[in-house]
Amino acid sequence: MVKLYGAPAVSTCTRLVALICKEKNIPYEVIQVNMAKGEHKAASFTAIQPFGEVPYIDDDGFILYESRAIARYLIKKYPNQGTPLIPSDPKAQALFEQAASVEVFNFTNFVQPIVFEKVFKPRFGLQPNEERVGEALKTLQEKLDVYEVILSKQKYLAGDFLTLADLFHLPYGTVFYTNGFAEVFDSRPNLARWWKDISNRPAWLAVKDGA
């Protein structure tokens, strides 16, 4: 059984790995890391995850960190189990990798700072930097206009088949969407259709509030 070391209640990346385990029907056990107590910065933790971040997995002695790397590893280890999330055909795989790059550089790079400022900072009694939020949101709106065009031509970001690239959007996207920014998605019909599809997958509903 895969051991998932993380904090699913607060860590978007931990929830991503749990999501992939659910989609691929991979049994897993969550080992809670208390970030409020600084357990992720303890010497015993950084000896395994040197950056002191969550999550990491222990798969029968194989240690791996970075949620995107973990997701790819689990999908490739169990190619014929659960949902096929990375295509094997070279051209289809290239389109998947293209979509995965789009997610990092045109979505998460802008959603992440907004979520940090508007959601995470207030939890610690800190004031959000509204200027930073405004700048990130302005650029994100431009990027999502392009998403709207792409999704007007195909069902998912890599084509008419669901891939890991679509699922990569869920952890940060859900926090963004449910904390005052739903209209950013809903005002674009093709984007809204795609978001409703992926955000209502049973695997995500099972882990989005924990793992």
Protein backbone atom coordinates (compact mmCIF):
# COMPACT_ATOMS: atom_id res chain seq x y z
CA MET A 1 0.00 0.00 0.00
CA VAL A 2 1.23 3.49 -0.88
CA LYS A 3 1.91 5.61 2.19
CA LEU A 4 1.08 9.26 1.54
CA TYR A 5 2.79 11.65 3.93
CA GLY A 6 0.99 14.96 3.88
CA ALA A 7 -1.70 17.26 5.21
CA PRO A 8 -4.80 16.77 3.05
CA ALA A 9 -6.90 19.26 5.01
CA VAL A 10 -4.59 22.16 4.10
CA SER A 11 -2.28 20.93 1.34
CA THR A 12 -3.49 21.17 -2.24
CA CYS A 13 -0.60 18.99 -3.41
CA THR A 14 -1.47 16.23 -0.95
CA ARG A 15 -5.01 16.20 -2.30
CA LEU A 16 -3.69 15.90 -5.85
CA VAL A 17 -1.85 12.68 -5.02
CA ALA A 18 -4.90 11.30 -3.22
CA LEU A 19 -6.98 12.15 -6.29
CA ILE A 20 -4.68 10.12 -8.54
CA CYS A 21 -4.81 7.17 -6.16
CA LYS A 22 -8.61 7.31 -6.30
CA GLU A 23 -8.70 7.61 -10.11
CA LYS A 24 -6.29 4.68 -10.48
CA ASN A 25 -7.87 2.54 -7.74
CA ILE A 26 -4.58 2.44 -5.85
CA PRO A 27 -4.89 1.62 -2.13
CA TYR A 28 -3.16 4.27 -0.02
CA GLU A 29 -2.74 5.29 3.59
CA VAL A 30 -2.48 8.92 4.65
CA ILE A 31 0.22 9.59 7.24
CA GLN A 32 -0.74 12.96 8.69
CA VAL A 33 1.98 15.60 8.89
CA ASN A 34 1.06 18.37 11.34
CA MET A 35 2.25 21.46 9.54
CA ALA A 36 0.91 23.77 12.25
CA LYS A 37 3.41 22.17 14.62
CA GLY A 38 6.17 22.37 12.03
CA GLU A 39 6.53 18.62 11.59
CA HIS A 40 7.41 19.14 7.91
CA LYS A 41 10.49 21.12 8.99
CA ALA A 42 11.71 18.59 11.54
CA ALA A 43 15.08 16.94 10.87
CA SER A 44 13.43 13.52 10.59
CA PHE A 45 11.18 14.85 7.81
CA THR A 46 13.76 16.87 5.88
CA ALA A 47 16.04 13.83 5.90
CA ILE A 48 13.47 12.37 3.48
CA GLN A 49 11.99 15.49 1.86
CA PRO A 50 14.90 17.96 1.93
CA PHE A 51 12.74 20.99 1.09
CA GLY A 52 10.48 20.40 4.08
CA GLU A 53 7.30 20.31 2.01
CA VAL A 54 4.38 17.91 1.60
CA PRO A 55 3.61 15.45 0.25
CA TYR A 56 5.92 12.57 -0.32
CA ILE A 57 5.12 8.90 -0.80
CA ASP A 58 6.67 5.68 0.40
CA ASP A 59 5.80 2.95 -2.08
CA ASP A 60 7.21 -0.20 -0.54
CA GLY A 61 10.46 1.59 0.26
CA PHE A 62 10.56 3.78 -2.85
CA ILE A 63 10.50 7.40 -1.72
CA LEU A 64 9.29 10.13 -4.05
CA TYR A 65 8.34 13.77 -3.53
CA GLU A 66 6.85 16.54 -5.73
CA SER A 67 3.16 15.90 -6.40
CA ARG A 68 3.35 16.11 -10.19
CA ALA A 69 6.19 13.58 -10.27
CA ILE A 70 4.28 11.31 -7.89
CA ALA A 71 1.18 11.52 -10.08
CA ARG A 72 3.09 10.56 -13.21
CA TYR A 73 4.84 7.71 -11.41
CA LEU A 74 1.62 6.19 -10.09
CA ILE A 75 -0.12 6.47 -13.46
CA LYS A 76 2.77 4.82 -15.28
CA LYS A 77 3.11 2.09 -12.66
CA TYR A 78 -0.55 1.14 -13.03
CA PRO A 79 -1.28 1.81 -16.74
CA ASN A 80 -4.11 -0.71 -17.02
CA GLN A 81 -5.81 0.13 -13.73
CA GLY A 82 -8.48 2.77 -13.19
CA THR A 83 -8.69 5.84 -15.41
CA PRO A 84 -6.06 6.06 -18.19
CA LEU A 85 -4.66 9.54 -17.54
CA ILE A 86 -1.47 9.59 -19.65
CA PRO A 87 -1.85 8.33 -23.23
CA SER A 88 0.68 5.91 -24.68
CA ASP A 89 0.48 7.06 -28.31
CA PRO A 90 3.41 9.45 -28.93
CA LYS A 91 1.30 12.21 -30.50
CA ALA A 92 -1.40 11.98 -27.85
CA GLN A 93 1.28 11.95 -25.15
CA ALA A 94 2.84 15.07 -26.68
CA LEU A 95 -0.53 16.82 -26.55
CA PHE A 96 -0.84 15.78 -22.91
CA GLU A 97 2.59 17.22 -22.11
CA GLN A 98 1.65 20.41 -23.94
CA ALA A 99 -1.51 20.70 -21.84
CA ALA A 100 0.45 19.97 -18.65
CA SER A 101 2.80 22.85 -19.46
CA VAL A 102 -0.18 25.10 -20.13
CA GLU A 103 -1.52 24.30 -16.65
CA VAL A 104 1.71 25.27 -14.90
CA PHE A 105 2.58 28.42 -16.83
CA ASN A 106 -0.85 29.77 -17.75
CA PHE A 107 -3.04 28.72 -14.81
CA THR A 108 -1.35 27.75 -11.57
CA ASN A 109 1.32 30.46 -11.85
CA PHE A 110 -1.49 33.02 -11.50
CA VAL A 111 -4.10 31.19 -9.42
CA GLN A 112 -1.57 30.21 -6.76
CA PRO A 113 -0.63 33.77 -5.69
CA ILE A 114 -4.29 34.80 -5.63
CA VAL A 115 -5.16 31.86 -3.38
CA PHE A 116 -2.15 32.60 -1.18
CA GLU A 117 -3.11 36.24 -0.75
CA LYS A 118 -6.90 35.89 -0.44
CA VAL A 119 -7.27 32.54 1.33
CA PHE A 120 -4.08 31.42 3.07
CA LYS A 121 -2.84 34.76 4.41
CA PRO A 122 -6.10 35.61 6.25
CA ARG A 123 -5.95 32.26 8.02
CA PHE A 124 -2.82 33.52 9.74
CA GLY A 125 -4.25 36.98 10.45
CA LEU A 126 -2.31 38.60 7.61
CA GLN A 127 -3.64 41.18 5.17
CA PRO A 128 -3.68 40.23 1.49
CA ASN A 129 -1.65 42.23 -0.99
CA GLU A 130 -4.52 43.44 -3.16
CA GLU A 131 -2.18 44.90 -5.76
CA ARG A 132 -0.59 41.50 -6.27
CA VAL A 133 -4.02 39.91 -6.47
CA GLY A 134 -5.16 42.41 -9.08
CA GLU A 135 -2.11 41.91 -11.25
CA ALA A 136 -2.36 38.11 -11.13
CA LEU A 137 -6.11 38.18 -11.77
CA LYS A 138 -5.73 40.47 -14.78
CA THR A 139 -3.22 38.12 -16.39
CA LEU A 140 -5.25 35.06 -15.44
CA GLN A 141 -8.31 36.51 -17.16
CA GLU A 142 -6.30 36.86 -20.36
CA LYS A 143 -5.03 33.29 -20.07
CA LEU A 144 -8.53 31.95 -19.48
CA ASP A 145 -9.75 33.69 -22.61
CA VAL A 146 -7.35 31.39 -24.45
CA TYR A 147 -8.64 28.40 -22.46
CA GLU A 148 -12.10 29.33 -23.67
CA VAL A 149 -10.96 29.19 -27.29
CA ILE A 150 -9.18 25.85 -26.81
CA LEU A 151 -12.17 24.31 -25.04
CA SER A 152 -14.55 25.53 -27.72
CA LYS A 153 -12.81 23.10 -30.08
CA GLN A 154 -12.31 20.07 -27.86
CA LYS A 155 -13.67 18.56 -24.65
CA TYR A 156 -10.48 18.62 -22.61
CA LEU A 157 -7.16 20.44 -22.73
CA ALA A 158 -5.27 17.69 -24.57
CA GLY A 159 -8.12 16.74 -26.89
CA ASP A 160 -11.38 14.89 -26.44
CA PHE A 161 -9.96 12.65 -23.71
CA LEU A 162 -9.40 13.39 -20.03
CA THR A 163 -5.76 13.49 -18.92
CA LEU A 164 -3.72 14.25 -15.86
CA ALA A 165 -3.28 17.78 -17.26
CA ASP A 166 -6.97 18.47 -16.62
CA LEU A 167 -6.81 17.04 -13.11
CA PHE A 168 -3.77 19.16 -12.26
CA HIS A 169 -6.14 22.17 -12.21
CA LEU A 170 -8.40 20.81 -9.49
CA PRO A 171 -6.64 21.47 -6.16
CA TYR A 172 -5.81 25.17 -6.57
CA GLY A 173 -8.70 25.74 -8.97
CA THR A 174 -11.24 24.53 -6.42
CA VAL A 175 -9.89 26.80 -3.67
CA PHE A 176 -9.94 29.70 -6.15
CA TYR A 177 -13.44 28.91 -7.43
CA THR A 178 -15.02 28.47 -3.99
CA ASN A 179 -13.54 31.59 -2.44
CA GLY A 180 -15.20 34.34 -4.40
CA PHE A 181 -13.94 33.74 -7.94
CA ALA A 182 -16.58 31.42 -9.42
CA GLU A 183 -17.62 34.05 -11.97
CA VAL A 184 -14.14 33.98 -13.50
CA PHE A 185 -14.89 30.44 -14.69
CA ASP A 186 -18.66 30.66 -15.07
CA SER A 187 -18.56 33.69 -17.38
CA ARG A 188 -16.84 31.58 -20.02
CA PRO A 189 -19.27 28.87 -21.21
CA ASN A 190 -16.76 26.35 -22.55
CA LEU A 191 -14.46 26.78 -19.58
CA ALA A 192 -17.46 26.47 -17.25
CA ARG A 193 -18.56 23.26 -18.99
CA TRP A 194 -15.06 21.78 -18.66
CA TRP A 195 -14.74 22.86 -15.02
CA LYS A 196 -18.12 21.37 -14.07
CA ASP A 197 -17.06 18.12 -15.72
CA ILE A 198 -13.71 17.68 -13.99
CA SER A 199 -14.70 19.15 -10.61
CA ASN A 200 -17.60 16.71 -10.26
CA ARG A 201 -15.58 13.57 -10.85
CA PRO A 202 -16.31 11.08 -8.04
CA ALA A 203 -12.60 10.72 -7.27
CA TRP A 204 -12.25 14.47 -6.69
CA LEU A 205 -15.44 14.71 -4.64
CA ALA A 206 -14.02 11.97 -2.43
CA VAL A 207 -10.81 13.83 -1.61
CA LYS A 208 -11.42 17.56 -2.13
CA ASP A 209 -12.13 18.19 1.55
CA GLY A 210 -9.49 15.77 2.76
CA ALA A 211 -8.02 12.49 1.56
